[in-house]
Amino acid sequence: MSCSEWKEVKLIDAVEMNPRTILKKGTLAKKVSMQDIAEFTRKIQSYEIAEFTSGSKFKSGDTLFARITPCLENGKTAYVDILEDDEVAFGSTEFIVFRAKEGITDGKFVYYLTISPEFRNIAIKSMTGSSGRQRVQNDVLANTIINLPPLQEQKRIAHLLSVIDDKIELNNEMNKTLEEIAQAIFQRWFVDFEFPNANGEPYKSSGGKLVESELGMIPEGWKVGNFRNLTENVIGGDWGKESPQGNYIKEVYCLRGTDIPEISIGRDGALPKRYILERNFNNKKLNNGDLVVEISGGSPTQSTGRITYVNEEVLSKFQMGVVCTNFCRAINLINKKFTEFFYFYWKKLYDERVFFQYENGTTGIKNLDINSFLDKYMIVIPDDSIIQSFHSVTSTFLRKIQENGIESKKLVTIRDTLLPKLMSGEIRVVDAEREVEACLQKSS
């Protein structure tokens, strides 16, 4: 099929914008807020059941497009697939709802059209309003001229891009499951004290001895301490320079808060490259088993303290070496086999919002006093042999989580490279299919 069969049309002639959808006030329905939409992610992350009073209304197959700054610039756009065929949901008034026109456009094609760089740029440039509250001008979008392929070609384009997103979503689901399993094992071993005893039986319920401690009853042979007892060193970050300047000539990759928890290769294909002082490299470079904690950037609803870790597989992909940004800190442990215990203990405390107590700074930007936390927060420290057993059981979980995260970011790069070319007709579906198929075969 040649591009001569594509037509230039106004968006409003191909797509319904904020279509009339009936949902009576007082009806209980699924509600999707702006925070339920992840950046540059097709799938809606969550929703709640709430009584409808006002807001945008939508159905299965619609696209939710953030119209307000900075949500639009940050890429908050999602495809609705959480509803039954005749079900109606509602959400933020800051969504524009796009719906395919029957016989003219395909729902998933509409989604990929709205996340294409050309369309997003038009939307962003159309924004008006006061600083911090700028919104897209609907009439500008409605009258935007798009290059529309025939319906069957739309479906082929959407299917190809969906194959990539399906794999990304599968990786995300797998990582969520792996995290949940490992966290459940942590809970059972180190909170419920049902780790395997010498006979492979649950310790506490098999009559294992518990003794008094500052933190209550704990297994015999365990002790009360702090995270500092497990820590060899805390390594400062270094953002360096964007290009070589003076003595800033050592080229490195820099891990940022945005790359936590899964160390990614970024939307542009790699962690950002920076240039730091040569003399700082050996003291700041990350090594196998190091944990990286975000110490700056907390908000009233989200604390600092997000954590990730690096392993040999990750470091091998960035052979010039990796440092963390100065908004993070790297924790080097006394024993690398303590990594998983430290990581899942820390994650548990993050989920319990413990780090809020150790933050300081301005109202907008919070900073974690990591040294105070390492020294003062009291924890139960198991016998070394139990920690090492936990390492044996869960180390493969973390490794797979990292591998999935890196693979997903590679797929994002491929998708984002193909998307504008497919939408413009620069590359044909049959050629793109070969590239995607080769990538997915390699990953599997």
Protein backbone atom coordinates (compact mmCIF):
# COMPACT_ATOMS: atom_id res chain seq x y z
CA MET A 1 0.00 0.00 0.00
CA SER A 2 1.47 3.33 -1.04
CA CYS A 3 1.32 6.56 0.90
CA SER A 4 -0.71 8.02 -1.95
CA GLU A 5 -3.70 6.33 -0.33
CA TRP A 6 -3.17 8.33 2.87
CA LYS A 7 -5.31 11.44 3.28
CA GLU A 8 -4.71 14.80 4.90
CA VAL A 9 -7.65 15.49 7.20
CA LYS A 10 -8.47 17.65 10.19
CA LEU A 11 -8.19 15.75 13.46
CA ILE A 12 -11.83 16.52 14.31
CA ASP A 13 -12.94 14.78 11.09
CA ALA A 14 -11.13 11.58 12.09
CA VAL A 15 -11.43 11.53 15.87
CA GLU A 16 -14.10 12.49 18.42
CA MET A 17 -12.82 14.88 21.09
CA ASN A 18 -14.53 14.74 24.48
CA PRO A 19 -17.46 12.79 22.97
CA ARG A 20 -20.85 12.91 24.63
CA THR A 21 -20.99 9.99 27.05
CA ILE A 22 -23.83 9.40 29.50
CA LEU A 23 -23.10 8.78 33.17
CA LYS A 24 -25.71 9.87 35.68
CA LYS A 25 -24.62 11.88 38.72
CA GLY A 26 -24.46 9.75 41.84
CA THR A 27 -23.53 6.61 39.88
CA LEU A 28 -20.71 4.51 41.35
CA ALA A 29 -18.09 4.05 38.64
CA LYS A 30 -14.38 3.62 38.07
CA LYS A 31 -12.50 6.87 38.53
CA VAL A 32 -9.07 7.53 36.98
CA SER A 33 -7.14 10.49 38.38
CA MET A 34 -4.07 12.11 36.85
CA GLN A 35 -1.81 10.26 39.30
CA ASP A 36 -3.17 6.96 37.95
CA ILE A 37 -1.52 7.70 34.60
CA ALA A 38 2.20 6.95 34.35
CA GLU A 39 4.55 8.88 32.12
CA PHE A 40 4.93 7.48 28.58
CA THR A 41 3.02 4.35 29.58
CA ARG A 42 0.02 2.97 27.70
CA LYS A 43 -1.61 1.12 30.59
CA ILE A 44 -3.68 2.85 33.27
CA GLN A 45 -1.89 2.07 36.53
CA SER A 46 -4.82 2.09 38.95
CA TYR A 47 -8.30 3.44 39.63
CA GLU A 48 -10.84 3.75 42.42
CA ILE A 49 -14.58 3.25 42.66
CA ALA A 50 -16.24 6.58 43.37
CA GLU A 51 -19.51 8.42 42.99
CA PHE A 52 -19.68 10.46 39.80
CA THR A 53 -20.28 14.17 40.30
CA SER A 54 -18.24 15.70 37.48
CA GLY A 55 -15.24 15.05 35.27
CA SER A 56 -14.32 13.63 31.90
CA LYS A 57 -16.26 10.50 30.87
CA PHE A 58 -14.87 7.72 28.76
CA LYS A 59 -15.34 4.17 27.50
CA SER A 60 -13.16 1.21 26.56
CA GLY A 61 -10.89 2.00 23.62
CA ASP A 62 -10.70 5.74 24.34
CA THR A 63 -7.46 7.64 24.89
CA LEU A 64 -6.90 9.89 27.93
CA PHE A 65 -4.64 12.82 27.09
CA ALA A 66 -3.37 15.20 29.80
CA ARG A 67 -4.05 18.78 28.70
CA ILE A 68 -2.37 20.67 31.57
CA THR A 69 1.24 21.51 32.31
CA PRO A 70 3.47 19.73 33.35
CA CYS A 71 1.47 16.50 32.92
CA LEU A 72 1.32 16.83 29.14
CA GLU A 73 5.03 17.58 28.80
CA ASN A 74 5.79 14.63 31.09
CA GLY A 75 3.91 12.25 28.78
CA LYS A 76 0.76 11.38 30.71
CA THR A 77 -1.38 9.68 28.05
CA ALA A 78 -3.10 6.31 28.39
CA TYR A 79 -5.28 3.86 26.46
CA VAL A 80 -8.46 2.76 28.25
CA ASP A 81 -8.62 -1.04 28.55
CA ILE A 82 -9.90 -1.43 32.11
CA LEU A 83 -13.62 -1.35 31.23
CA GLU A 84 -16.25 -3.73 29.91
CA ASP A 85 -17.71 -2.98 26.47
CA ASP A 86 -20.67 -0.90 27.70
CA GLU A 87 -19.07 0.40 30.89
CA VAL A 88 -18.52 4.12 31.42
CA ALA A 89 -15.87 5.54 33.74
CA PHE A 90 -14.82 9.06 34.65
CA GLY A 91 -11.70 10.93 35.62
CA SER A 92 -9.83 14.18 35.90
CA THR A 93 -11.27 17.24 34.23
CA GLU A 94 -7.73 17.80 32.94
CA PHE A 95 -8.05 14.92 30.45
CA ILE A 96 -8.97 15.35 26.81
CA VAL A 97 -10.81 12.19 25.74
CA PHE A 98 -10.12 11.01 22.18
CA ARG A 99 -12.37 8.38 20.61
CA ALA A 100 -12.01 6.71 17.21
CA LYS A 101 -14.77 7.29 14.65
CA GLU A 102 -16.31 4.03 13.48
CA GLY A 103 -15.18 3.12 9.98
CA ILE A 104 -12.64 5.96 9.90
CA THR A 105 -10.10 5.40 12.65
CA ASP A 106 -8.85 2.61 14.92
CA GLY A 107 -8.82 3.18 18.71
CA LYS A 108 -5.25 2.06 19.30
CA PHE A 109 -4.03 3.98 16.26
CA VAL A 110 -5.57 7.10 17.81
CA TYR A 111 -3.61 6.43 21.01
CA TYR A 112 -0.31 6.11 19.14
CA LEU A 113 -1.12 9.20 17.09
CA THR A 114 -1.56 11.24 20.27
CA ILE A 115 1.78 10.13 21.74
CA SER A 116 3.69 10.79 18.50
CA PRO A 117 6.24 13.62 18.83
CA GLU A 118 4.67 15.77 16.10
CA PHE A 119 1.22 15.67 17.69
CA ARG A 120 2.57 16.27 21.19
CA ASN A 121 4.61 19.26 19.99
CA ILE A 122 1.52 20.83 18.43
CA ALA A 123 -0.40 20.33 21.67
CA ILE A 124 2.39 21.72 23.84
CA LYS A 125 2.87 24.80 21.65
CA SER A 126 -0.88 25.51 21.78
CA MET A 127 -0.93 25.80 25.57
CA THR A 128 -2.13 29.07 27.07
CA GLY A 129 -2.87 30.36 30.56
CA SER A 130 -1.03 31.50 33.65
CA SER A 131 2.31 30.03 34.62
CA GLY A 132 1.94 26.55 36.07
CA ARG A 133 -1.70 26.24 34.91
CA GLN A 134 -1.34 26.30 31.15
CA ARG A 135 -3.72 24.12 29.15
CA VAL A 136 -4.03 22.86 25.59
CA GLN A 137 -6.34 24.79 23.28
CA ASN A 138 -8.84 22.20 22.10
CA ASP A 139 -9.72 24.08 18.94
CA VAL A 140 -6.08 24.10 17.83
CA LEU A 141 -5.92 20.32 18.13
CA ALA A 142 -9.31 19.88 16.50
CA ASN A 143 -8.13 21.79 13.41
CA THR A 144 -4.70 20.16 13.25
CA ILE A 145 -4.07 18.50 9.88
CA ILE A 146 -2.98 14.86 10.20
CA ASN A 147 -1.81 12.38 7.60
CA LEU A 148 -4.32 9.52 7.93
CA PRO A 149 -3.68 6.08 6.43
CA PRO A 150 -6.55 3.77 5.40
CA LEU A 151 -8.23 1.94 8.29
CA GLN A 152 -6.55 -1.42 7.65
CA GLU A 153 -3.14 0.24 7.55
CA GLN A 154 -3.96 2.00 10.84
CA LYS A 155 -4.74 -1.35 12.42
CA ARG A 156 -1.45 -2.86 11.20
CA ILE A 157 0.52 0.10 12.58
CA ALA A 158 -1.32 -0.04 15.90
CA HIS A 159 -0.89 -3.82 16.16
CA LEU A 160 2.86 -3.60 15.58
CA LEU A 161 3.37 -0.90 18.20
CA SER A 162 1.03 -2.77 20.57
CA VAL A 163 3.20 -5.90 20.33
CA ILE A 164 6.06 -3.85 21.76
CA ASP A 165 3.92 -2.32 24.51
CA ASP A 166 2.47 -5.73 25.35
CA LYS A 167 5.99 -7.03 26.00
CA ILE A 168 6.83 -3.99 28.12
CA GLU A 169 3.66 -4.49 30.18
CA LEU A 170 4.45 -8.19 30.57
CA ASN A 171 7.90 -7.30 31.90
CA ASN A 172 6.36 -4.80 34.31
CA GLU A 173 3.86 -7.38 35.58
CA MET A 174 6.62 -9.96 35.96
CA ASN A 175 8.74 -7.50 37.96
CA LYS A 176 5.79 -6.66 40.18
CA THR A 177 5.22 -10.36 40.87
CA LEU A 178 8.91 -11.01 41.57
CA GLU A 179 9.03 -8.08 43.99
CA GLU A 180 5.91 -9.30 45.77
CA ILE A 181 7.23 -12.85 46.13
CA ALA A 182 10.61 -11.70 47.44
CA GLN A 183 8.96 -9.23 49.82
CA ALA A 184 6.67 -12.00 51.10
CA ILE A 185 9.69 -14.21 51.78
CA PHE A 186 11.33 -11.29 53.61
CA GLN A 187 8.21 -10.82 55.72
CA ARG A 188 8.00 -14.51 56.59
CA TRP A 189 11.68 -14.87 57.47
CA PHE A 190 12.55 -11.57 59.16
CA VAL A 191 9.25 -10.28 60.55
CA ASP A 192 7.31 -13.48 61.32
CA PHE A 193 10.57 -15.33 62.15
CA GLU A 194 9.51 -18.37 60.10
CA PHE A 195 12.85 -18.77 58.31
CA PRO A 196 13.97 -22.40 57.78
CA ASN A 197 15.65 -23.92 60.83
CA ALA A 198 18.39 -26.56 60.65
CA ASN A 199 15.76 -29.14 59.69
CA GLY A 200 14.18 -26.93 57.04
CA GLU A 201 11.13 -26.28 59.25
CA PRO A 202 9.62 -22.83 60.04
CA TYR A 203 11.65 -21.53 63.00
CA LYS A 204 9.04 -19.90 65.23
CA SER A 205 6.15 -22.33 64.74
CA SER A 206 8.55 -25.25 65.23
CA GLY A 207 9.48 -24.07 68.71
CA GLY A 208 12.49 -21.89 67.88
CA LYS A 209 13.70 -19.95 70.91
CA LEU A 210 12.92 -16.21 71.12
CA VAL A 211 14.70 -13.79 73.47
CA GLU A 212 13.96 -10.28 74.76
CA SER A 213 15.46 -7.27 72.93
CA GLU A 214 14.97 -3.50 72.61
CA LEU A 215 12.63 -4.22 69.71
CA GLY A 216 10.69 -7.02 71.37
CA MET A 217 11.13 -10.78 71.10
CA ILE A 218 13.66 -11.89 68.45
CA PRO A 219 15.24 -15.25 67.55
CA GLU A 220 18.12 -16.40 69.69
CA GLY A 221 21.45 -15.40 68.14
CA TRP A 222 20.00 -12.35 66.40
CA LYS A 223 20.79 -8.82 67.58
CA VAL A 224 19.50 -5.26 67.47
CA GLY A 225 21.57 -2.79 65.50
CA ASN A 226 21.27 -0.33 62.63
CA PHE A 227 21.90 -0.21 58.90
CA ARG A 228 25.33 1.27 59.54
CA ASN A 229 26.36 -2.10 61.02
CA LEU A 230 25.96 -3.57 57.51
CA THR A 231 27.54 -0.64 55.67
CA GLU A 232 31.16 -0.32 54.60
CA ASN A 233 30.93 3.11 53.00
CA VAL A 234 28.50 5.74 51.70
CA ILE A 235 29.57 7.15 48.34
CA GLY A 236 28.66 10.66 47.22
CA GLY A 237 27.31 11.34 43.78
CA ASP A 238 28.75 13.46 40.99
CA TRP A 239 26.73 15.09 38.18
CA GLY A 240 29.88 16.54 36.62
CA LYS A 241 29.66 18.44 33.34
CA GLU A 242 27.67 17.88 30.16
CA SER A 243 30.81 18.18 28.02
CA PRO A 244 34.57 18.11 28.70
CA GLN A 245 35.67 21.27 30.52
CA GLY A 246 39.06 21.92 32.09
CA ASN A 247 39.90 18.93 34.28
CA TYR A 248 36.42 17.43 33.85
CA ILE A 249 37.48 14.92 31.21
CA LYS A 250 36.60 11.48 32.61
CA GLU A 251 33.57 10.26 30.66
CA VAL A 252 31.07 8.22 32.73
CA TYR A 253 27.43 7.23 32.78
CA CYS A 254 25.34 8.81 35.52
CA LEU A 255 22.51 7.03 37.34
CA ARG A 256 19.71 9.40 38.41
CA GLY A 257 16.67 9.22 40.64
CA THR A 258 14.55 8.74 37.53
CA ASP A 259 16.42 5.46 36.88
CA ILE A 260 15.25 4.01 40.21
CA PRO A 261 14.08 1.36 41.02
CA GLU A 262 14.91 -0.40 37.74
CA ILE A 263 18.22 0.80 36.36
CA SER A 264 17.15 1.70 32.87
CA ILE A 265 18.98 2.62 29.72
CA GLY A 266 16.75 5.65 29.43
CA ARG A 267 14.29 6.84 26.80
CA ASP A 268 17.15 8.12 24.65
CA GLY A 269 18.94 4.75 24.64
CA ALA A 270 21.39 5.16 27.52
CA LEU A 271 22.00 6.60 30.93
CA PRO A 272 23.22 10.15 30.39
CA LYS A 273 26.93 10.59 29.76
CA ARG A 274 28.72 13.13 31.93
CA TYR A 275 32.30 14.26 32.50
CA ILE A 276 33.82 14.24 35.98
CA LEU A 277 37.26 14.83 37.49
CA GLU A 278 39.59 11.91 36.79
CA ARG A 279 40.73 11.86 40.42
CA ASN A 280 37.14 11.36 41.63
CA PHE A 281 36.33 8.36 39.48
CA ASN A 282 37.78 5.55 41.59
CA ASN A 283 36.14 6.90 44.74
CA LYS A 284 32.73 7.43 43.15
CA LYS A 285 32.29 4.63 40.62
CA LEU A 286 29.61 2.05 41.36
CA ASN A 287 30.57 -1.58 41.85
CA ASN A 288 28.72 -4.89 41.81
CA GLY A 289 26.31 -5.10 44.75
CA ASP A 290 26.21 -1.38 45.52
CA LEU A 291 22.83 0.06 46.50
CA VAL A 292 21.79 3.49 45.23
CA VAL A 293 19.34 5.62 47.22
CA GLU A 294 17.56 8.77 46.04
CA ILE A 295 18.14 11.38 48.77
CA SER A 296 16.57 14.49 47.21
CA GLY A 297 13.26 15.30 45.57
CA GLY A 298 10.67 14.14 48.06
CA SER A 299 7.20 15.68 48.07
CA PRO A 300 4.38 15.99 50.62
CA THR A 301 2.96 12.68 49.35
CA GLN A 302 6.13 10.81 48.34
CA SER A 303 9.23 10.56 50.46
CA THR A 304 12.83 10.28 49.40
CA GLY A 305 14.59 6.96 49.94
CA ARG A 306 13.75 5.02 46.77
CA ILE A 307 16.39 2.34 46.28
CA THR A 308 17.94 0.23 43.54
CA TYR A 309 21.09 -1.81 43.19
CA VAL A 310 23.71 -2.53 40.55
CA ASN A 311 25.07 -5.89 39.52
CA GLU A 312 27.67 -7.15 37.06
CA GLU A 313 25.11 -7.54 34.26
CA VAL A 314 24.11 -3.89 34.54
CA LEU A 315 27.67 -2.59 34.82
CA SER A 316 28.76 -4.61 31.78
CA LYS A 317 26.38 -2.53 29.66
CA PHE A 318 28.09 0.71 30.71
CA GLN A 319 31.74 -0.14 30.41
CA MET A 320 33.07 3.41 30.81
CA GLY A 321 31.85 3.15 34.39
CA VAL A 322 28.80 4.40 36.29
CA VAL A 323 28.47 6.98 39.06
CA CYS A 324 25.29 8.25 40.67
CA THR A 325 24.11 11.83 40.53
CA ASN A 326 24.68 14.10 43.53
CA PHE A 327 20.93 13.76 44.31
CA CYS A 328 21.63 10.12 45.22
CA ARG A 329 24.02 8.20 47.45
CA ALA A 330 25.57 4.79 46.87
CA ILE A 331 25.85 2.38 49.78
CA ASN A 332 28.67 -0.13 49.74
CA LEU A 333 28.02 -3.10 52.03
CA ILE A 334 30.43 -5.00 54.26
CA ASN A 335 29.32 -8.25 52.63
CA LYS A 336 27.82 -8.39 49.12
CA LYS A 337 25.60 -11.28 50.22
CA PHE A 338 23.78 -8.81 52.47
CA THR A 339 22.47 -6.94 49.40
CA GLU A 340 19.04 -8.58 49.18
CA PHE A 341 18.39 -8.37 52.95
CA PHE A 342 19.32 -4.68 52.99
CA TYR A 343 17.34 -3.95 49.80
CA PHE A 344 14.05 -5.56 50.87
CA TYR A 345 14.30 -4.23 54.44
CA TRP A 346 14.80 -0.74 53.00
CA LYS A 347 11.89 -1.22 50.56
CA LYS A 348 9.63 -2.30 53.43
CA LEU A 349 10.46 0.88 55.35
CA TYR A 350 9.90 3.02 52.25
CA ASP A 351 6.45 1.48 51.80
CA GLU A 352 5.76 2.21 55.48
CA ARG A 353 6.74 5.88 54.88
CA VAL A 354 9.46 5.78 57.54
CA PHE A 355 11.81 8.10 55.63
CA PHE A 356 9.54 11.11 56.08
CA GLN A 357 10.90 11.26 59.64
CA TYR A 358 14.46 11.76 58.40
CA GLU A 359 13.85 14.47 55.80
CA ASN A 360 14.72 18.11 55.91
CA GLY A 361 14.72 20.96 53.41
CA THR A 362 12.20 23.30 51.82
CA THR A 363 8.50 22.62 51.39
CA GLY A 364 8.93 21.83 47.69
CA ILE A 365 12.15 19.80 47.81
CA LYS A 366 12.90 17.36 50.62
CA ASN A 367 16.30 15.87 51.40
CA LEU A 368 16.95 12.61 53.22
CA ASP A 369 19.50 12.77 56.04
CA ILE A 370 20.83 9.37 55.08
CA ASN A 371 23.68 9.29 57.59
CA SER A 372 21.33 10.04 60.46
CA PHE A 373 19.02 7.29 59.28
CA LEU A 374 21.82 4.74 58.92
CA ASP A 375 23.02 5.51 62.44
CA LYS A 376 19.75 5.97 64.35
CA TYR A 377 17.07 3.72 62.91
CA MET A 378 17.11 0.48 64.90
CA ILE A 379 16.66 -2.83 63.10
CA VAL A 380 16.79 -6.52 63.89
CA ILE A 381 19.93 -8.08 62.39
CA PRO A 382 19.74 -11.84 61.81
CA ASP A 383 22.52 -14.34 62.04
CA ASP A 384 24.86 -14.03 59.03
CA SER A 385 24.01 -17.53 57.84
CA ILE A 386 20.29 -16.66 57.58
CA ILE A 387 21.06 -13.47 55.64
CA GLN A 388 23.23 -15.45 53.24
CA SER A 389 20.48 -18.06 52.81
CA PHE A 390 18.10 -15.25 51.91
CA HIS A 391 20.67 -14.08 49.35
CA SER A 392 20.74 -17.55 47.80
CA VAL A 393 16.95 -17.61 47.50
CA THR A 394 16.29 -14.06 46.24
CA SER A 395 19.38 -12.90 44.30
CA THR A 396 17.96 -14.31 41.07
CA PHE A 397 14.79 -12.26 41.65
CA LEU A 398 16.66 -8.95 41.68
CA ARG A 399 18.79 -9.96 38.72
CA LYS A 400 15.69 -10.76 36.65
CA ILE A 401 14.02 -7.50 37.69
CA GLN A 402 17.05 -5.57 36.41
CA GLU A 403 17.16 -7.56 33.16
CA ASN A 404 13.47 -6.96 32.52
CA GLY A 405 13.85 -3.25 33.23
CA ILE A 406 16.74 -2.88 30.80
CA GLU A 407 14.93 -4.89 28.12
CA SER A 408 11.80 -2.77 28.51
CA LYS A 409 13.75 0.45 28.04
CA LYS A 410 15.33 -0.96 24.87
CA LEU A 411 11.84 -1.74 23.61
CA VAL A 412 10.72 1.79 24.50
CA THR A 413 13.58 3.15 22.41
CA ILE A 414 12.60 0.97 19.45
CA ARG A 415 8.94 1.95 19.78
CA ASP A 416 9.73 5.65 20.05
CA THR A 417 12.03 5.42 17.02
CA LEU A 418 9.48 3.61 14.88
CA LEU A 419 6.43 5.61 16.00
CA PRO A 420 7.00 8.90 14.11
CA LYS A 421 8.27 7.06 11.05
CA LEU A 422 5.22 4.81 10.90
CA MET A 423 2.86 7.73 11.50
CA SER A 424 4.40 9.73 8.65
CA GLY A 425 4.71 6.81 6.25
CA GLU A 426 8.51 7.17 6.20
CA ILE A 427 8.81 3.48 7.02
CA ARG A 428 6.32 0.81 6.01
CA VAL A 429 4.83 -1.68 8.43
CA VAL A 430 6.34 -4.69 6.68
CA ASP A 431 9.87 -3.30 7.17
CA ALA A 432 9.23 -2.35 10.80
CA GLU A 433 7.78 -5.80 11.50
CA ARG A 434 11.11 -7.42 10.68
CA GLU A 435 12.95 -5.17 13.13
CA VAL A 436 10.44 -5.76 15.94
CA GLU A 437 10.35 -9.52 15.35
CA ALA A 438 14.14 -9.74 15.49
CA CYS A 439 14.22 -7.75 18.73
CA LEU A 440 11.54 -9.85 20.42
CA GLN A 441 13.18 -13.11 19.33
CA LYS A 442 16.46 -11.94 20.81
CA SER A 443 14.81 -11.01 24.11
CA SER A 444 12.99 -14.33 24.42
